[in-house]
C-alpha atoms as a PDB file:
ATOM      1  CA  MET A   1      27.274 -16.393   9.764  1.00  0.00           C
ATOM      2  CA  PRO A   2      23.493 -16.636   8.131  1.00  0.00           C
ATOM      3  CA  THR A   3      21.747 -13.228   7.627  1.00  0.00           C
ATOM      4  CA  LEU A   4      18.796 -12.504   7.240  1.00  0.00           C
ATOM      5  CA  ILE A   5      17.640  -9.060   4.398  1.00  0.00           C
ATOM      6  CA  LEU A   6      14.276  -7.094   5.189  1.00  0.00           C
ATOM      7  CA  PHE A   7      14.166  -4.707   2.342  1.00  0.00           C
ATOM      8  CA  THR A   8      10.502  -1.964   3.496  1.00  0.00           C
ATOM      9  CA  ASN A   9       9.725   0.893   1.944  1.00  0.00           C
ATOM     10  CA  VAL A  10       7.455   1.746   4.071  1.00  0.00           C
ATOM     11  CA  PRO A  11       8.414   4.320   7.311  1.00  0.00           C
ATOM     12  CA  VAL A  12       9.710   2.764  10.358  1.00  0.00           C
ATOM     13  CA  ASP A  13      10.455   3.978  13.286  1.00  0.00           C
ATOM     14  CA  SER A  14      14.086   3.475  15.770  1.00  0.00           C
ATOM     15  CA  VAL A  15      11.289   1.858  18.317  1.00  0.00           C
ATOM     16  CA  THR A  16       9.850  -0.234  15.412  1.00  0.00           C
ATOM     17  CA  ALA A  17      13.072  -1.105  13.816  1.00  0.00           C
ATOM     18  CA  SER A  18      13.657  -2.250  17.504  1.00  0.00           C
ATOM     19  CA  ASP A  19      11.642  -4.804  17.058  1.00  0.00           C
ATOM     20  CA  ILE A  20      11.913  -5.723  13.490  1.00  0.00           C
ATOM     21  CA  LEU A  21      15.600  -6.792  14.589  1.00  0.00           C
ATOM     22  CA  ARG A  22      14.752  -8.812  18.727  1.00  0.00           C
ATOM     23  CA  ASP A  23      12.092 -10.880  17.261  1.00  0.00           C
ATOM     24  CA  ALA A  24      13.588 -11.488  13.192  1.00  0.00           C
ATOM     25  CA  THR A  25      17.138 -12.259  14.778  1.00  0.00           C
ATOM     26  CA  LYS A  26      14.835 -14.503  17.972  1.00  0.00           C
ATOM     27  CA  ALA A  27      12.833 -16.495  14.524  1.00  0.00           C
ATOM     28  CA  VAL A  28      16.127 -17.267  12.804  1.00  0.00           C
ATOM     29  CA  ALA A  29      18.481 -18.089  15.893  1.00  0.00           C
ATOM     30  CA  LYS A  30      15.163 -20.286  16.331  1.00  0.00           C
ATOM     31  CA  ILE A  31      15.413 -21.993  12.751  1.00  0.00           C
ATOM     32  CA  ILE A  32      18.893 -22.506  12.902  1.00  0.00           C
ATOM     33  CA  GLY A  33      19.127 -24.218  15.913  1.00  0.00           C
ATOM     34  CA  LYS A  34      21.972 -21.389  16.760  1.00  0.00           C
ATOM     35  CA  PRO A  35      22.417 -18.956  19.711  1.00  0.00           C
ATOM     36  CA  LYS A  36      21.053 -15.496  18.873  1.00  0.00           C
ATOM     37  CA  SER A  37      25.007 -13.955  18.287  1.00  0.00           C
ATOM     38  CA  TYR A  38      25.493 -15.752  14.941  1.00  0.00           C
ATOM     39  CA  ALA A  39      22.499 -15.018  13.407  1.00  0.00           C
ATOM     40  CA  MET A  40      22.148 -10.994  11.527  1.00  0.00           C
ATOM     41  CA  ILE A  41      19.797  -9.121  10.013  1.00  0.00           C
ATOM     42  CA  LEU A  42      20.088  -6.280   8.079  1.00  0.00           C
ATOM     43  CA  LEU A  43      16.941  -4.110   8.168  1.00  0.00           C
ATOM     44  CA  HIS A  44      16.977  -1.697   4.550  1.00  0.00           C
ATOM     45  CA  LEU A  45      14.866   1.317   4.691  1.00  0.00           C
ATOM     46  CA  VAL A  46      14.252   2.313   0.761  1.00  0.00           C
ATOM     47  CA  ALA A  47      12.138   4.411  -0.930  1.00  0.00           C
ATOM     48  CA  LEU A  48      10.952   2.390  -4.093  1.00  0.00           C
ATOM     49  CA  LYS A  49       9.523   4.125  -7.068  1.00  0.00           C
ATOM     50  CA  ASN A  50       7.797   1.026  -8.473  1.00  0.00           C
ATOM     51  CA  GLN A  51       6.803  -1.801  -5.481  1.00  0.00           C
ATOM     52  CA  LEU A  52       7.998  -4.970  -6.838  1.00  0.00           C
ATOM     53  CA  LEU A  53       6.458  -7.430  -4.034  1.00  0.00           C
ATOM     54  CA  THR A  54       4.714  -6.711  -0.927  1.00  0.00           C
ATOM     55  CA  VAL A  55       4.621  -9.006   2.088  1.00  0.00           C
ATOM     56  CA  SER A  56       2.573  -8.099   4.726  1.00  0.00           C
ATOM     57  CA  LEU A  57       4.086  -9.108   8.558  1.00  0.00           C
ATOM     58  CA  SER A  58       1.176 -11.159   8.792  1.00  0.00           C
ATOM     59  CA  GLN A  59       3.042 -13.158   5.731  1.00  0.00           C
ATOM     60  CA  LEU A  60       6.000 -12.895   6.793  1.00  0.00           C
ATOM     61  CA  GLU A  61       5.022 -14.657  10.323  1.00  0.00           C
ATOM     62  CA  ALA A  62       3.152 -17.602   8.680  1.00  0.00           C
ATOM     63  CA  LEU A  63       5.976 -18.185   6.770  1.00  0.00           C
ATOM     64  CA  VAL A  64       8.986 -17.932   9.501  1.00  0.00           C
ATOM     65  CA  GLN A  65       5.465 -19.691  11.364  1.00  0.00           C
ATOM     66  CA  VAL A  66       6.228 -23.351   8.415  1.00  0.00           C
ATOM     67  CA  SER A  67       9.584 -22.789   8.193  1.00  0.00           C
ATOM     68  CA  LEU A  68       9.524 -23.557  11.650  1.00  0.00           C
ATOM     69  CA  GLU A  69       7.153 -26.593  11.427  1.00  0.00           C
ATOM     70  CA  SER A  70       8.960 -28.393   8.407  1.00  0.00           C
END
């Protein structure tokens, strides 16, 4: 099963997490050309002392958009 794993150190409430999961599921399903039930999204909320990589939501949306256009 295609799986997208998202890690964030940004505090996320349950409503926001639900929105992220819904939108990510829709995007992955579109990318793979399958129903949403074929995609698994894992959202890990972590606290990092040393942040190695920072990706904003707008950057993630841009990456997904590029993937969809390819």
